[in-house]
Amino acid sequence: MSRVTNEELAAQVRGQTVPTRFAETVRNSAESLLTIINDILDFSKVEAGKLVFEIVDLDVRDVVEDTVELMAERARSKKIELASLVHTDVGTRLRGDPGRFRQVLLNLVGNAIKFTQEGEVFVNVTAVEQTEKDTLLRVEVNDTGIGIEKEAQPKLFEAFTQADSSTTRRYGGTGLARPTKVGLCAGSRR
């Protein structure tokens, strides 16, 4: 995903600088639209069984740190603490798709920040199971956000579904990201 900075948007328009607030709104709207388009494309690939994974060297710690750094400003702007821990039992050189791993992690951390008004978001990565050829990771993103009612939890991984309609009005979103990311995770184990 290409990020557009406020400085790039604050170009001269008829001799006047575009106000920063307007530039930020345009940037946020562009990023939201790009996210929706990417989610739709990925969802379609998952549903069609056509999702391709790149298998290359993967340093989990680097991907987690890069993701936290990328999301840090969003967390800071809400005065939310954002931290991570990749336990020492997680190997530094695994094989996998760093782009897809980053995509899933960005979605989880982004949602945690979006639904957290105060407190913290914490990413915790441990190795659950390791063999000579495979490592099964547990990636937890814990937050002090609004939470999800127990009766709404079974709907979490249904496409185009939010926990409740007021969530969509207040926070936005299509309800596509979670089922798509589940498909990405399931596909990575094939």
N, C-alpha and C. Protein backbone atom coordinates (compact mmCIF):
# COMPACT_ATOMS: atom_id res chain seq x y z
N MET A 1 0.85 -1.17 0.00
CA MET A 1 0.00 0.00 0.00
C MET A 1 0.89 1.23 0.00
N SER A 2 0.60 2.15 -0.85
CA SER A 2 1.35 3.39 -0.94
C SER A 2 0.76 4.40 0.03
N ARG A 3 1.61 5.03 0.81
CA ARG A 3 1.13 6.02 1.77
C ARG A 3 1.35 7.41 1.19
N VAL A 4 0.38 8.27 1.36
CA VAL A 4 0.45 9.64 0.88
C VAL A 4 0.64 10.53 2.10
N THR A 5 1.67 11.38 2.07
CA THR A 5 1.93 12.24 3.22
C THR A 5 1.15 13.54 3.11
N ASN A 6 0.93 14.18 4.26
CA ASN A 6 0.26 15.47 4.27
C ASN A 6 1.05 16.49 3.47
N GLU A 7 2.37 16.38 3.51
CA GLU A 7 3.20 17.33 2.77
C GLU A 7 2.96 17.21 1.27
N GLU A 8 2.78 15.98 0.78
CA GLU A 8 2.52 15.78 -0.64
C GLU A 8 1.18 16.38 -1.04
N LEU A 9 0.21 16.31 -0.11
CA LEU A 9 -1.12 16.83 -0.40
C LEU A 9 -1.21 18.34 -0.21
N ALA A 10 -0.30 18.88 0.58
CA ALA A 10 -0.35 20.32 0.86
C ALA A 10 0.33 21.09 -0.27
N ALA A 11 -0.04 20.79 -1.49
CA ALA A 11 0.52 21.43 -2.68
C ALA A 11 -0.13 22.80 -2.88
N GLN A 12 0.47 23.60 -3.73
CA GLN A 12 -0.08 24.91 -4.03
C GLN A 12 -1.29 24.79 -4.94
N VAL A 13 -2.40 25.40 -4.56
CA VAL A 13 -3.60 25.44 -5.38
C VAL A 13 -3.92 26.92 -5.61
N ARG A 14 -3.76 27.38 -6.87
CA ARG A 14 -3.97 28.79 -7.21
C ARG A 14 -3.25 29.73 -6.25
N GLY A 15 -2.01 29.37 -5.95
CA GLY A 15 -1.19 30.24 -5.12
C GLY A 15 -1.43 30.09 -3.63
N GLN A 16 -2.37 29.22 -3.21
CA GLN A 16 -2.63 29.04 -1.79
C GLN A 16 -2.37 27.60 -1.40
N THR A 17 -1.86 27.40 -0.20
CA THR A 17 -1.60 26.06 0.30
C THR A 17 -2.90 25.43 0.76
N VAL A 18 -3.09 24.16 0.39
CA VAL A 18 -4.26 23.43 0.86
C VAL A 18 -4.17 23.31 2.38
N PRO A 19 -5.23 23.62 3.11
CA PRO A 19 -5.17 23.52 4.57
C PRO A 19 -4.82 22.09 5.01
N THR A 20 -4.03 22.00 6.08
CA THR A 20 -3.56 20.71 6.57
C THR A 20 -4.72 19.78 6.91
N ARG A 21 -5.77 20.30 7.51
CA ARG A 21 -6.91 19.46 7.89
C ARG A 21 -7.57 18.84 6.65
N PHE A 22 -7.70 19.64 5.60
CA PHE A 22 -8.26 19.13 4.34
C PHE A 22 -7.34 18.07 3.75
N ALA A 23 -6.05 18.35 3.76
CA ALA A 23 -5.07 17.40 3.22
C ALA A 23 -5.13 16.09 3.99
N GLU A 24 -5.27 16.16 5.30
CA GLU A 24 -5.36 14.96 6.12
C GLU A 24 -6.63 14.17 5.80
N THR A 25 -7.73 14.86 5.58
CA THR A 25 -8.99 14.19 5.23
C THR A 25 -8.86 13.47 3.90
N VAL A 26 -8.25 14.12 2.92
CA VAL A 26 -8.04 13.51 1.61
C VAL A 26 -7.14 12.29 1.74
N ARG A 27 -6.06 12.42 2.50
CA ARG A 27 -5.13 11.30 2.69
C ARG A 27 -5.83 10.13 3.36
N ASN A 28 -6.57 10.39 4.43
CA ASN A 28 -7.28 9.32 5.14
C ASN A 28 -8.31 8.64 4.24
N SER A 29 -9.01 9.43 3.45
CA SER A 29 -10.01 8.87 2.53
C SER A 29 -9.34 7.99 1.47
N ALA A 30 -8.22 8.46 0.94
CA ALA A 30 -7.50 7.68 -0.08
C ALA A 30 -7.00 6.36 0.51
N GLU A 31 -6.45 6.41 1.72
CA GLU A 31 -5.97 5.19 2.36
C GLU A 31 -7.12 4.23 2.65
N SER A 32 -8.25 4.75 3.09
CA SER A 32 -9.41 3.90 3.37
C SER A 32 -9.90 3.22 2.11
N LEU A 33 -9.98 3.97 1.02
CA LEU A 33 -10.43 3.41 -0.25
C LEU A 33 -9.46 2.33 -0.74
N LEU A 34 -8.18 2.60 -0.64
CA LEU A 34 -7.18 1.62 -1.05
C LEU A 34 -7.28 0.34 -0.22
N THR A 35 -7.50 0.48 1.06
CA THR A 35 -7.66 -0.68 1.94
C THR A 35 -8.88 -1.50 1.53
N ILE A 36 -9.99 -0.85 1.25
CA ILE A 36 -11.21 -1.55 0.84
C ILE A 36 -10.98 -2.29 -0.47
N ILE A 37 -10.35 -1.63 -1.43
CA ILE A 37 -10.08 -2.26 -2.72
C ILE A 37 -9.17 -3.49 -2.54
N ASN A 38 -8.12 -3.34 -1.74
CA ASN A 38 -7.21 -4.47 -1.50
C ASN A 38 -7.92 -5.61 -0.79
N ASP A 39 -8.79 -5.29 0.18
CA ASP A 39 -9.54 -6.34 0.87
C ASP A 39 -10.46 -7.09 -0.09
N ILE A 40 -11.13 -6.37 -0.97
CA ILE A 40 -12.02 -7.01 -1.95
C ILE A 40 -11.22 -7.92 -2.88
N LEU A 41 -10.08 -7.42 -3.36
CA LEU A 41 -9.25 -8.24 -4.24
C LEU A 41 -8.73 -9.49 -3.53
N ASP A 42 -8.26 -9.33 -2.31
CA ASP A 42 -7.76 -10.48 -1.56
C ASP A 42 -8.88 -11.45 -1.23
N PHE A 43 -10.05 -10.93 -0.85
CA PHE A 43 -11.19 -11.79 -0.54
C PHE A 43 -11.55 -12.63 -1.77
N SER A 44 -11.56 -11.99 -2.93
CA SER A 44 -11.86 -12.70 -4.17
C SER A 44 -10.84 -13.80 -4.44
N LYS A 45 -9.57 -13.50 -4.23
CA LYS A 45 -8.52 -14.51 -4.44
C LYS A 45 -8.66 -15.67 -3.46
N VAL A 46 -8.96 -15.35 -2.19
CA VAL A 46 -9.13 -16.40 -1.19
C VAL A 46 -10.30 -17.29 -1.57
N GLU A 47 -11.43 -16.68 -1.92
CA GLU A 47 -12.64 -17.44 -2.28
C GLU A 47 -12.40 -18.31 -3.51
N ALA A 48 -11.60 -17.84 -4.45
CA ALA A 48 -11.34 -18.58 -5.69
C ALA A 48 -10.19 -19.58 -5.53
N GLY A 49 -9.54 -19.57 -4.37
CA GLY A 49 -8.40 -20.46 -4.18
C GLY A 49 -7.21 -20.08 -5.02
N LYS A 50 -7.10 -18.81 -5.39
CA LYS A 50 -6.05 -18.35 -6.30
C LYS A 50 -4.99 -17.48 -5.60
N LEU A 51 -5.02 -17.47 -4.30
CA LEU A 51 -4.06 -16.65 -3.57
C LEU A 51 -2.68 -17.30 -3.63
N VAL A 52 -1.67 -16.55 -4.02
CA VAL A 52 -0.32 -17.06 -4.16
C VAL A 52 0.52 -16.52 -3.02
N PHE A 53 1.28 -17.42 -2.39
CA PHE A 53 2.17 -17.02 -1.30
C PHE A 53 3.61 -17.08 -1.76
N GLU A 54 4.35 -16.07 -1.36
CA GLU A 54 5.78 -16.03 -1.63
C GLU A 54 6.48 -16.72 -0.45
N ILE A 55 7.34 -17.67 -0.73
CA ILE A 55 8.06 -18.36 0.33
C ILE A 55 9.53 -17.94 0.25
N VAL A 56 9.89 -17.03 1.15
CA VAL A 56 11.25 -16.49 1.21
C VAL A 56 11.67 -16.42 2.67
N ASP A 57 12.91 -15.98 2.92
CA ASP A 57 13.34 -15.80 4.30
C ASP A 57 12.42 -14.78 4.98
N LEU A 58 12.07 -15.07 6.21
CA LEU A 58 11.14 -14.23 6.96
C LEU A 58 11.70 -14.02 8.36
N ASP A 59 12.00 -12.78 8.69
CA ASP A 59 12.41 -12.44 10.04
C ASP A 59 11.19 -11.84 10.74
N VAL A 60 10.54 -12.65 11.56
CA VAL A 60 9.30 -12.26 12.22
C VAL A 60 9.52 -10.99 13.04
N ARG A 61 10.63 -10.93 13.75
CA ARG A 61 10.91 -9.76 14.59
C ARG A 61 10.94 -8.48 13.76
N ASP A 62 11.60 -8.53 12.59
CA ASP A 62 11.66 -7.35 11.73
C ASP A 62 10.27 -6.93 11.25
N VAL A 63 9.45 -7.90 10.84
CA VAL A 63 8.11 -7.58 10.35
C VAL A 63 7.26 -6.96 11.46
N VAL A 64 7.34 -7.53 12.66
CA VAL A 64 6.56 -7.01 13.79
C VAL A 64 7.04 -5.60 14.13
N GLU A 65 8.34 -5.40 14.24
CA GLU A 65 8.87 -4.08 14.58
C GLU A 65 8.51 -3.04 13.51
N ASP A 66 8.62 -3.42 12.23
CA ASP A 66 8.26 -2.50 11.15
C ASP A 66 6.78 -2.13 11.21
N THR A 67 5.94 -3.11 11.49
CA THR A 67 4.50 -2.87 11.57
C THR A 67 4.18 -1.94 12.73
N VAL A 68 4.77 -2.18 13.87
CA VAL A 68 4.53 -1.33 15.05
C VAL A 68 5.03 0.09 14.75
N GLU A 69 6.17 0.20 14.11
CA GLU A 69 6.69 1.53 13.76
C GLU A 69 5.75 2.24 12.79
N LEU A 70 5.23 1.51 11.81
CA LEU A 70 4.32 2.09 10.83
C LEU A 70 3.03 2.59 11.49
N MET A 71 2.55 1.88 12.50
CA MET A 71 1.29 2.23 13.16
C MET A 71 1.49 3.16 14.36
N ALA A 72 2.73 3.45 14.71
CA ALA A 72 3.03 4.22 15.92
C ALA A 72 2.40 5.61 15.90
N GLU A 73 2.44 6.29 14.79
CA GLU A 73 1.88 7.65 14.73
C GLU A 73 0.38 7.64 14.96
N ARG A 74 -0.31 6.67 14.38
CA ARG A 74 -1.75 6.57 14.59
C ARG A 74 -2.06 6.35 16.07
N ALA A 75 -1.28 5.48 16.72
CA ALA A 75 -1.47 5.23 18.15
C ALA A 75 -1.14 6.48 18.97
N ARG A 76 -0.03 7.13 18.63
CA ARG A 76 0.38 8.34 19.35
C ARG A 76 -0.68 9.43 19.24
N SER A 77 -1.28 9.55 18.05
CA SER A 77 -2.29 10.61 17.86
C SER A 77 -3.52 10.38 18.75
N LYS A 78 -3.75 9.14 19.16
CA LYS A 78 -4.87 8.83 20.06
C LYS A 78 -4.41 8.70 21.51
N LYS A 79 -3.12 8.96 21.73
CA LYS A 79 -2.51 8.83 23.06
C LYS A 79 -2.64 7.41 23.61
N ILE A 80 -2.44 6.44 22.71
CA ILE A 80 -2.48 5.02 23.04
C ILE A 80 -1.06 4.49 23.01
N GLU A 81 -0.70 3.70 24.00
CA GLU A 81 0.61 3.06 24.00
C GLU A 81 0.57 1.87 23.05
N LEU A 82 1.59 1.74 22.20
CA LEU A 82 1.70 0.63 21.27
C LEU A 82 3.05 -0.03 21.50
N ALA A 83 3.04 -1.33 21.81
CA ALA A 83 4.27 -2.05 22.11
C ALA A 83 4.19 -3.46 21.54
N SER A 84 5.35 -4.11 21.45
CA SER A 84 5.38 -5.49 20.95
C SER A 84 6.47 -6.27 21.65
N LEU A 85 6.28 -7.60 21.61
CA LEU A 85 7.28 -8.52 22.13
C LEU A 85 7.28 -9.76 21.26
N VAL A 86 8.42 -10.06 20.66
CA VAL A 86 8.61 -11.31 19.94
C VAL A 86 9.52 -12.15 20.84
N HIS A 87 8.96 -13.21 21.39
CA HIS A 87 9.70 -14.04 22.35
C HIS A 87 10.92 -14.68 21.71
N THR A 88 11.89 -15.00 22.54
CA THR A 88 13.15 -15.57 22.04
C THR A 88 12.98 -16.95 21.43
N ASP A 89 11.86 -17.64 21.71
CA ASP A 89 11.65 -18.96 21.11
C ASP A 89 11.24 -18.87 19.64
N VAL A 90 10.97 -17.67 19.16
CA VAL A 90 10.63 -17.47 17.74
C VAL A 90 11.94 -17.31 16.98
N GLY A 91 12.19 -18.19 16.03
CA GLY A 91 13.43 -18.13 15.25
C GLY A 91 13.51 -16.83 14.46
N THR A 92 14.73 -16.38 14.22
CA THR A 92 14.91 -15.13 13.47
C THR A 92 14.86 -15.36 11.97
N ARG A 93 15.11 -16.56 11.52
CA ARG A 93 15.09 -16.85 10.08
C ARG A 93 14.14 -18.00 9.79
N LEU A 94 12.90 -17.64 9.54
CA LEU A 94 11.89 -18.60 9.14
C LEU A 94 11.66 -18.44 7.65
N ARG A 95 10.80 -19.26 7.08
CA ARG A 95 10.43 -19.15 5.67
C ARG A 95 8.95 -18.85 5.61
N GLY A 96 8.56 -17.91 4.78
CA GLY A 96 7.16 -17.56 4.65
C GLY A 96 6.99 -16.36 3.76
N ASP A 97 5.83 -15.76 3.83
CA ASP A 97 5.50 -14.59 3.01
C ASP A 97 5.45 -13.36 3.90
N PRO A 98 6.55 -12.59 3.94
CA PRO A 98 6.58 -11.43 4.83
C PRO A 98 5.51 -10.39 4.48
N GLY A 99 5.18 -10.24 3.21
CA GLY A 99 4.17 -9.27 2.80
C GLY A 99 2.79 -9.63 3.32
N ARG A 100 2.42 -10.90 3.22
CA ARG A 100 1.11 -11.35 3.72
C ARG A 100 1.08 -11.31 5.25
N PHE A 101 2.19 -11.69 5.88
CA PHE A 101 2.26 -11.63 7.34
C PHE A 101 2.07 -10.18 7.81
N ARG A 102 2.76 -9.26 7.14
CA ARG A 102 2.64 -7.84 7.47
C ARG A 102 1.20 -7.36 7.25
N GLN A 103 0.57 -7.81 6.17
CA GLN A 103 -0.80 -7.41 5.85
C GLN A 103 -1.77 -7.83 6.96
N VAL A 104 -1.64 -9.07 7.42
CA VAL A 104 -2.50 -9.56 8.50
C VAL A 104 -2.24 -8.76 9.77
N LEU A 105 -0.97 -8.58 10.09
CA LEU A 105 -0.60 -7.86 11.31
C LEU A 105 -1.06 -6.41 11.27
N LEU A 106 -0.91 -5.75 10.12
CA LEU A 106 -1.38 -4.37 9.99
C LEU A 106 -2.88 -4.27 10.22
N ASN A 107 -3.63 -5.24 9.72
CA ASN A 107 -5.07 -5.24 9.92
C ASN A 107 -5.42 -5.41 11.39
N LEU A 108 -4.78 -6.37 12.05
CA LEU A 108 -5.07 -6.62 13.47
C LEU A 108 -4.70 -5.42 14.34
N VAL A 109 -3.50 -4.89 14.13
CA VAL A 109 -3.06 -3.73 14.92
C VAL A 109 -3.89 -2.50 14.58
N GLY A 110 -4.19 -2.31 13.29
CA GLY A 110 -5.02 -1.17 12.89
C GLY A 110 -6.40 -1.21 13.53
N ASN A 111 -7.03 -2.39 13.55
CA ASN A 111 -8.33 -2.52 14.19
C ASN A 111 -8.23 -2.28 15.69
N ALA A 112 -7.17 -2.81 16.31
CA ALA A 112 -7.00 -2.60 17.75
C ALA A 112 -6.89 -1.12 18.07
N ILE A 113 -6.13 -0.38 17.28
CA ILE A 113 -6.00 1.06 17.49
C ILE A 113 -7.33 1.76 17.22
N LYS A 114 -7.99 1.38 16.14
CA LYS A 114 -9.26 2.02 15.77
C LYS A 114 -10.30 1.90 16.88
N PHE A 115 -10.37 0.73 17.51
CA PHE A 115 -11.40 0.47 18.51
C PHE A 115 -10.95 0.73 19.94
N THR A 116 -9.77 1.33 20.12
CA THR A 116 -9.26 1.66 21.44
C THR A 116 -9.22 3.18 21.61
N GLN A 117 -9.90 3.67 22.61
CA GLN A 117 -9.93 5.11 22.86
C GLN A 117 -8.87 5.55 23.87
N GLU A 118 -8.50 4.64 24.78
CA GLU A 118 -7.46 4.95 25.75
C GLU A 118 -6.81 3.65 26.20
N GLY A 119 -5.58 3.75 26.66
CA GLY A 119 -4.90 2.56 27.14
C GLY A 119 -3.80 2.12 26.21
N GLU A 120 -3.86 0.84 25.78
CA GLU A 120 -2.73 0.29 25.04
C GLU A 120 -3.14 -0.78 24.04
N VAL A 121 -2.23 -1.01 23.12
CA VAL A 121 -2.31 -2.11 22.16
C VAL A 121 -0.96 -2.83 22.27
N PHE A 122 -1.02 -4.15 22.44
CA PHE A 122 0.21 -4.92 22.64
C PHE A 122 0.23 -6.13 21.72
N VAL A 123 1.31 -6.26 20.94
CA VAL A 123 1.50 -7.39 20.02
C VAL A 123 2.46 -8.36 20.69
N ASN A 124 2.03 -9.63 20.80
CA ASN A 124 2.81 -10.66 21.46
C ASN A 124 2.94 -11.86 20.52
N VAL A 125 4.19 -12.26 20.22
CA VAL A 125 4.42 -13.37 19.29
C VAL A 125 5.23 -14.45 19.99
N THR A 126 4.69 -15.68 19.97
CA THR A 126 5.38 -16.83 20.55
C THR A 126 5.36 -17.98 19.54
N ALA A 127 6.30 -18.90 19.72
CA ALA A 127 6.31 -20.13 18.93
C ALA A 127 5.52 -21.18 19.71
N VAL A 128 4.45 -21.69 19.11
CA VAL A 128 3.59 -22.67 19.77
C VAL A 128 4.13 -24.07 19.55
N GLU A 129 4.58 -24.32 18.33
CA GLU A 129 5.02 -25.66 17.96
C GLU A 129 6.14 -25.52 16.94
N GLN A 130 7.21 -26.28 17.14
CA GLN A 130 8.32 -26.23 16.21
C GLN A 130 8.77 -27.64 15.85
N THR A 131 8.94 -27.86 14.56
CA THR A 131 9.53 -29.11 14.08
C THR A 131 10.76 -28.73 13.27
N GLU A 132 11.39 -29.71 12.70
CA GLU A 132 12.57 -29.43 11.89
C GLU A 132 12.23 -28.56 10.68
N LYS A 133 11.01 -28.71 10.15
CA LYS A 133 10.62 -28.00 8.93
C LYS A 133 9.64 -26.85 9.16
N ASP A 134 8.86 -26.89 10.23
CA ASP A 134 7.78 -25.91 10.42
C ASP A 134 7.81 -25.28 11.80
N THR A 135 7.30 -24.06 11.84
CA THR A 135 7.09 -23.37 13.11
C THR A 135 5.68 -22.79 13.09
N LEU A 136 4.91 -23.12 14.10
CA LEU A 136 3.57 -22.56 14.25
C LEU A 136 3.66 -21.41 15.24
N LEU A 137 3.27 -20.22 14.79
CA LEU A 137 3.35 -19.02 15.64
C LEU A 137 1.97 -18.68 16.20
N ARG A 138 1.97 -18.10 17.38
CA ARG A 138 0.77 -17.50 17.94
C ARG A 138 1.04 -15.99 17.98
N VAL A 139 0.20 -15.26 17.26
CA VAL A 139 0.31 -13.81 17.24
C VAL A 139 -0.93 -13.27 17.93
N GLU A 140 -0.71 -12.60 19.05
CA GLU A 140 -1.82 -12.03 19.81
C GLU A 140 -1.72 -10.51 19.75
N VAL A 141 -2.84 -9.87 19.47
CA VAL A 141 -2.91 -8.42 19.54
C VAL A 141 -3.94 -8.11 20.61
N ASN A 142 -3.45 -7.68 21.76
CA ASN A 142 -4.31 -7.37 22.90
C ASN A 142 -4.49 -5.87 23.00
N ASP A 143 -5.71 -5.45 23.36
CA ASP A 143 -5.95 -4.02 23.49
C ASP A 143 -6.94 -3.76 24.61
N THR A 144 -7.05 -2.49 24.95
CA THR A 144 -8.00 -2.06 25.98
C THR A 144 -9.20 -1.38 25.33
N GLY A 145 -9.54 -1.83 24.12
CA GLY A 145 -10.61 -1.23 23.34
C GLY A 145 -12.00 -1.62 23.80
N ILE A 146 -12.97 -1.38 22.91
CA ILE A 146 -14.38 -1.52 23.27
C ILE A 146 -14.83 -2.95 23.47
N GLY A 147 -14.08 -3.90 22.95
CA GLY A 147 -14.46 -5.31 23.11
C GLY A 147 -15.62 -5.68 22.21
N ILE A 148 -15.96 -6.96 22.23
CA ILE A 148 -17.05 -7.48 21.41
C ILE A 148 -17.95 -8.33 22.29
N GLU A 149 -19.23 -8.04 22.26
CA GLU A 149 -20.19 -8.81 23.05
C GLU A 149 -20.07 -10.29 22.69
N LYS A 150 -20.22 -11.15 23.69
CA LYS A 150 -20.08 -12.60 23.50
C LYS A 150 -21.02 -13.12 22.40
N GLU A 151 -22.26 -12.63 22.36
CA GLU A 151 -23.21 -13.12 21.35
C GLU A 151 -22.85 -12.66 19.94
N ALA A 152 -22.04 -11.62 19.80
CA ALA A 152 -21.64 -11.14 18.48
C ALA A 152 -20.36 -11.84 17.98
N GLN A 153 -19.62 -12.49 18.85
CA GLN A 153 -18.34 -13.08 18.48
C GLN A 153 -18.44 -14.14 17.38
N PRO A 154 -19.49 -15.00 17.34
CA PRO A 154 -19.54 -15.99 16.26
C PRO A 154 -19.62 -15.36 14.86
N LYS A 155 -20.11 -14.12 14.75
CA LYS A 155 -20.24 -13.45 13.46
C LYS A 155 -18.94 -12.81 12.98
N LEU A 156 -17.92 -12.81 13.82
CA LEU A 156 -16.69 -12.07 13.53
C LEU A 156 -16.05 -12.42 12.19
N PHE A 157 -16.12 -13.67 11.78
CA PHE A 157 -15.39 -14.09 10.60
C PHE A 157 -16.28 -14.32 9.40
N GLU A 158 -17.50 -13.79 9.46
CA GLU A 158 -18.39 -13.82 8.31
C GLU A 158 -18.11 -12.59 7.45
N ALA A 159 -18.07 -12.79 6.14
CA ALA A 159 -17.80 -11.68 5.22
C ALA A 159 -18.91 -10.64 5.30
N PHE A 160 -18.53 -9.37 5.19
CA PHE A 160 -19.43 -8.21 5.17
C PHE A 160 -20.23 -8.08 6.46
N THR A 161 -19.70 -8.57 7.58
CA THR A 161 -20.42 -8.52 8.84
C THR A 161 -19.59 -7.77 9.87
N GLN A 162 -20.23 -6.90 10.61
CA GLN A 162 -19.62 -6.21 11.73
C GLN A 162 -20.25 -6.74 13.02
N ALA A 163 -19.62 -6.50 14.15
CA ALA A 163 -20.16 -6.97 15.43
C ALA A 163 -21.57 -6.42 15.64
N ASP A 164 -21.77 -5.15 15.32
CA ASP A 164 -23.12 -4.58 15.30
C ASP A 164 -23.13 -3.37 14.38
N SER A 165 -24.30 -2.96 13.93
CA SER A 165 -24.38 -1.90 12.92
C SER A 165 -23.89 -0.56 13.43
N SER A 166 -23.99 -0.31 14.72
CA SER A 166 -23.51 0.97 15.25
C SER A 166 -21.99 1.06 15.13
N THR A 167 -21.31 -0.07 15.14
CA THR A 167 -19.86 -0.08 14.97
C THR A 167 -19.49 0.44 13.60
N THR A 168 -20.21 0.00 12.57
CA THR A 168 -19.93 0.47 11.21
C THR A 168 -20.13 1.97 11.10
N ARG A 169 -21.22 2.47 11.68
CA ARG A 169 -21.48 3.91 11.62
C ARG A 169 -20.41 4.71 12.34
N ARG A 170 -19.98 4.22 13.49
CA ARG A 170 -19.04 4.98 14.30
C ARG A 170 -17.60 4.84 13.82
N TYR A 171 -17.20 3.61 13.45
CA TYR A 171 -15.79 3.37 13.14
C TYR A 171 -15.51 3.09 11.67
N GLY A 172 -16.54 2.83 10.88
CA GLY A 172 -16.33 2.53 9.47
C GLY A 172 -15.92 1.09 9.25
N GLY A 173 -15.64 0.74 8.01
CA GLY A 173 -15.20 -0.60 7.67
C GLY A 173 -16.24 -1.35 6.87
N THR A 174 -15.78 -2.40 6.20
CA THR A 174 -16.66 -3.19 5.33
C THR A 174 -17.00 -4.55 5.91
N GLY A 175 -16.26 -5.00 6.91
CA GLY A 175 -16.46 -6.35 7.42
C GLY A 175 -15.78 -7.39 6.57
N LEU A 176 -14.89 -6.98 5.68
CA LEU A 176 -14.19 -7.92 4.81
C LEU A 176 -12.81 -8.31 5.32
N ALA A 177 -12.20 -7.47 6.10
CA ALA A 177 -10.80 -7.69 6.46
C ALA A 177 -10.59 -8.96 7.28
N ARG A 178 -11.40 -9.19 8.30
CA ARG A 178 -11.20 -10.38 9.14
C ARG A 178 -11.33 -11.68 8.36
N PRO A 179 -12.43 -11.88 7.60
CA PRO A 179 -12.50 -13.15 6.86
C PRO A 179 -11.38 -13.29 5.83
N THR A 180 -10.96 -12.18 5.24
CA THR A 180 -9.86 -12.25 4.28
C THR A 180 -8.57 -12.66 4.97
N LYS A 181 -8.30 -12.08 6.13
CA LYS A 181 -7.07 -12.41 6.86
C LYS A 181 -7.11 -13.84 7.37
N VAL A 182 -8.28 -14.34 7.75
CA VAL A 182 -8.40 -15.75 8.14
C VAL A 182 -8.05 -16.62 6.94
N GLY A 183 -8.53 -16.24 5.76
CA GLY A 183 -8.19 -16.98 4.54
C GLY A 183 -6.71 -16.93 4.25
N LEU A 184 -6.07 -15.79 4.49
CA LEU A 184 -4.64 -15.68 4.29
C LEU A 184 -3.90 -16.61 5.24
N CYS A 185 -4.32 -16.63 6.50
CA CYS A 185 -3.65 -17.48 7.48
C CYS A 185 -3.87 -18.95 7.16
N ALA A 186 -5.10 -19.32 6.79
CA ALA A 186 -5.39 -20.71 6.46
C ALA A 186 -4.62 -21.13 5.22
N GLY A 187 -4.53 -20.24 4.25
CA GLY A 187 -3.80 -20.55 3.02
C GLY A 187 -2.33 -20.73 3.25
N SER A 188 -1.77 -20.07 4.24
CA SER A 188 -0.34 -20.15 4.49
C SER A 188 0.06 -21.50 5.06
N ARG A 189 -0.90 -22.28 5.54
CA ARG A 189 -0.60 -23.58 6.12
C ARG A 189 -0.76 -24.70 5.11
N ARG A 190 -1.20 -24.39 3.90
CA ARG A 190 -1.42 -25.43 2.87
C ARG A 190 -0.11 -25.96 2.34
